[in-house]
Protein backbone atom coordinates (compact mmCIF):
# COMPACT_ATOMS: atom_id res chain seq x y z
CA MET A 1 0.00 0.00 0.00
CA ARG A 2 2.76 2.43 0.92
CA ALA A 3 4.64 1.82 -2.31
CA ALA A 4 1.49 2.40 -4.36
CA ARG A 5 0.78 5.63 -2.46
CA ASP A 6 4.38 6.79 -2.90
CA LEU A 7 4.08 6.20 -6.63
CA GLU A 8 0.84 8.22 -6.79
CA LYS A 9 2.40 10.98 -4.64
CA GLN A 10 5.38 11.17 -6.99
CA ASN A 11 3.01 11.40 -9.95
CA ILE A 12 1.13 14.30 -8.31
CA LEU A 13 4.29 16.17 -7.29
CA LEU A 14 5.70 15.98 -10.82
CA LYS A 15 2.50 17.49 -12.23
CA LEU A 16 2.24 20.33 -9.66
CA THR A 17 4.74 22.48 -11.51
CA ALA A 18 2.63 22.34 -14.68
CA SER A 19 0.32 25.19 -15.65
CA SER A 20 -3.42 24.99 -14.95
CA GLU A 21 -3.95 24.49 -18.67
CA THR A 22 -1.87 21.32 -18.84
CA TYR A 23 -2.84 20.10 -15.34
CA PRO A 24 -6.39 21.31 -14.69
CA LEU A 25 -8.17 21.11 -11.33
CA GLN A 26 -10.23 18.10 -12.47
CA ALA A 27 -7.04 16.11 -13.22
CA ALA A 28 -5.58 17.09 -9.82
CA VAL A 29 -8.76 15.93 -8.04
CA SER A 30 -8.64 12.66 -9.99
CA ASP A 31 -5.00 12.17 -8.99
CA LEU A 32 -5.86 12.83 -5.34
CA GLU A 33 -8.59 10.19 -5.53
CA SER A 34 -6.05 7.75 -7.03
CA TYR A 35 -3.71 8.59 -4.15
CA ARG A 36 -6.48 7.93 -1.61
CA GLN A 37 -7.47 4.67 -3.35
CA ALA A 38 -3.85 3.46 -3.38
CA GLY A 39 -3.87 3.57 0.44
CA THR A 40 -6.94 1.37 0.87
CA LEU A 41 -7.14 -2.39 1.33
CA THR A 42 -8.95 -2.63 -2.01
CA GLY A 43 -6.12 -0.70 -3.66
CA ALA A 44 -3.56 -3.01 -2.06
CA LEU A 45 -5.41 -6.11 -3.25
CA SER A 46 -5.68 -4.64 -6.72
CA GLY A 47 -1.92 -3.98 -6.69
CA ILE A 48 -1.22 -7.56 -5.59
CA ALA A 49 -3.44 -8.92 -8.36
CA ASP A 50 -1.72 -6.69 -10.95
CA SER A 51 1.68 -7.81 -9.71
CA ALA A 52 0.70 -11.49 -9.82
CA ALA A 53 -0.68 -11.11 -13.36
CA GLU A 54 2.52 -9.41 -14.49
CA ASN A 55 4.65 -12.12 -12.86
CA GLU A 56 2.55 -14.81 -14.59
CA ARG A 57 3.00 -13.07 -17.95
CA VAL A 58 6.78 -12.82 -17.45
CA GLN A 59 7.04 -16.51 -16.49
CA ARG A 60 4.87 -17.57 -19.45
CA ASP A 61 7.06 -15.50 -21.80
CA LYS A 62 10.20 -17.14 -20.39
CA ALA A 63 8.69 -20.61 -20.84
CA ASN A 64 7.69 -19.77 -24.41
CA GLU A 65 11.22 -18.51 -25.15
CA VAL A 66 12.75 -21.75 -23.85
CA GLU A 67 10.31 -23.85 -25.88
CA ALA A 68 10.95 -21.76 -29.00
CA SER A 69 14.71 -22.18 -28.63
CA ILE A 70 14.27 -25.94 -28.28
CA LEU A 71 11.93 -26.12 -31.26
CA LYS A 72 14.47 -24.26 -33.39
CA ALA A 73 17.24 -26.69 -32.48
CA ASN A 74 18.90 -28.63 -35.24
CA PHE A 75 17.28 -31.89 -36.21
CA GLY A 76 19.22 -35.01 -37.00
CA GLN A 77 19.71 -36.33 -40.51
CA ASN A 78 16.37 -38.14 -40.51
CA GLU A 79 13.97 -36.93 -43.25
CA ALA A 80 10.98 -37.55 -40.95
CA SER A 81 12.51 -35.33 -38.26
CA ASP A 82 13.12 -32.60 -40.82
CA ARG A 83 9.49 -32.69 -42.02
CA ILE A 84 8.19 -32.67 -38.44
CA SER A 85 10.42 -29.66 -37.70
CA LYS A 86 8.92 -27.74 -40.62
CA TYR A 87 5.42 -28.69 -39.41
CA LEU A 88 6.11 -27.54 -35.85
CA ASN A 89 7.83 -24.31 -36.85
CA ALA A 90 5.32 -23.26 -39.53
CA GLU A 91 4.30 -19.62 -39.31
CA GLY A 92 0.94 -18.73 -37.85
CA ASN A 93 -1.04 -18.22 -34.71
CA PRO A 94 0.87 -19.28 -31.54
CA ALA A 95 -2.21 -21.27 -30.47
CA ASN A 96 -1.92 -23.27 -33.70
CA LYS A 97 1.74 -23.99 -32.94
CA THR A 98 0.76 -25.28 -29.52
CA ALA A 99 -1.93 -27.46 -31.09
CA ARG A 100 0.60 -28.86 -33.58
CA PHE A 101 3.04 -29.66 -30.78
CA ASP A 102 0.21 -31.33 -28.82
CA LYS A 103 -0.60 -33.54 -31.83
CA VAL A 104 3.01 -34.62 -32.09
CA ARG A 105 3.16 -35.25 -28.34
CA ALA A 106 0.00 -37.39 -28.52
CA VAL A 107 1.56 -39.64 -31.16
CA TYR A 108 4.75 -39.85 -29.11
CA ALA A 109 2.74 -40.87 -26.04
CA ILE A 110 1.26 -43.95 -27.76
CA GLN A 111 4.66 -45.34 -28.78
CA PRO A 112 5.85 -48.31 -26.72
CA GLN A 113 7.47 -47.14 -23.51
CA ALA A 114 10.56 -49.28 -24.09
CA VAL A 115 11.17 -47.56 -27.44
CA ARG A 116 10.65 -44.11 -25.91
CA LYS A 117 13.07 -44.89 -23.08
CA GLU A 118 15.69 -46.26 -25.47
CA CYS A 119 15.55 -43.07 -27.51
CA ALA A 120 15.26 -40.57 -24.66
CA GLY A 121 17.49 -42.42 -22.24
CA GLY A 122 15.28 -41.49 -19.31
CA ASP A 123 11.69 -40.76 -18.45
CA ALA A 124 9.88 -41.57 -21.67
CA ASP A 125 6.67 -39.85 -20.63
CA ASP A 126 7.80 -36.31 -20.07
CA ARG A 127 8.06 -33.48 -22.57
CA ARG A 128 11.86 -33.51 -22.56
CA GLY A 129 11.77 -37.12 -23.72
CA LEU A 130 9.73 -36.11 -26.76
CA LEU A 131 11.99 -33.19 -27.56
CA PHE A 132 15.04 -35.42 -27.27
CA ALA A 133 13.40 -37.99 -29.52
CA LEU A 134 12.71 -35.41 -32.20
CA TYR A 135 15.67 -33.08 -31.94
CA SER A 136 18.60 -35.25 -30.94
CA ASN A 137 21.40 -35.64 -33.42
CA THR A 138 21.83 -39.32 -32.63
CA ASP A 139 21.49 -42.25 -35.00
CA LYS A 140 19.52 -44.25 -32.45
CA SER A 141 17.10 -46.39 -34.37
CA ALA A 142 14.50 -45.85 -31.64
CA CYS A 143 14.53 -42.09 -32.27
CA ALA A 144 14.20 -42.63 -36.01
CA LEU A 145 11.36 -45.08 -35.41
CA ILE A 146 9.47 -42.56 -33.27
CA ALA A 147 10.01 -39.74 -35.80
CA ASN A 148 8.76 -41.99 -38.60
CA LYS A 149 5.66 -43.00 -36.60
CA ILE A 150 4.86 -39.36 -35.84
CA LEU A 151 5.28 -38.40 -39.49
CA GLU A 152 3.12 -41.35 -40.54
CA ARG A 153 0.31 -40.21 -38.22
CA LEU A 154 0.53 -36.59 -39.38
CA ILE A 155 0.25 -37.74 -43.01
CA ILE A 156 -2.76 -39.93 -42.16
CA GLU A 157 -4.43 -37.00 -40.38
CA LYS A 158 -3.62 -34.83 -43.40
CA GLU A 159 -1.57 -32.43 -41.29
CA ILE A 160 1.40 -33.00 -43.60
CA SER A 161 1.18 -33.89 -47.27
CA GLN A 162 2.90 -37.00 -48.61
């Protein structure tokens, strides 16, 4: 509450040196009301909600940046991996990109767990396992098998042309 009031006070003090034409009485009264509101419990809760929303946006942006950097990683020499990369990185609405990634992840999830573990070398069910399966530069036959199965499904669903 105090920080919000200090911010409003600073805003008012900066405007006090302005002429009455650029800072009319109505604007000054409005600023005083904002100053009063900033010191209330409602104002404090509003500030907390704004701060939480901003923090959520920042964290979501960071997560999206990490995912984008992973999705732009180099694929292996597998033609299926290359075609899946083009599918995932196609231009368009970010929601469509998420939907495309979800389709690929769904196909990955139905592959035999032993094959997923052989390719990923760890927890076959998590997102990192999928990314490793698609983006690793290994010649593991399990990774190639998974990439081919994903490509096959995308062709069947007419997401990618033959």
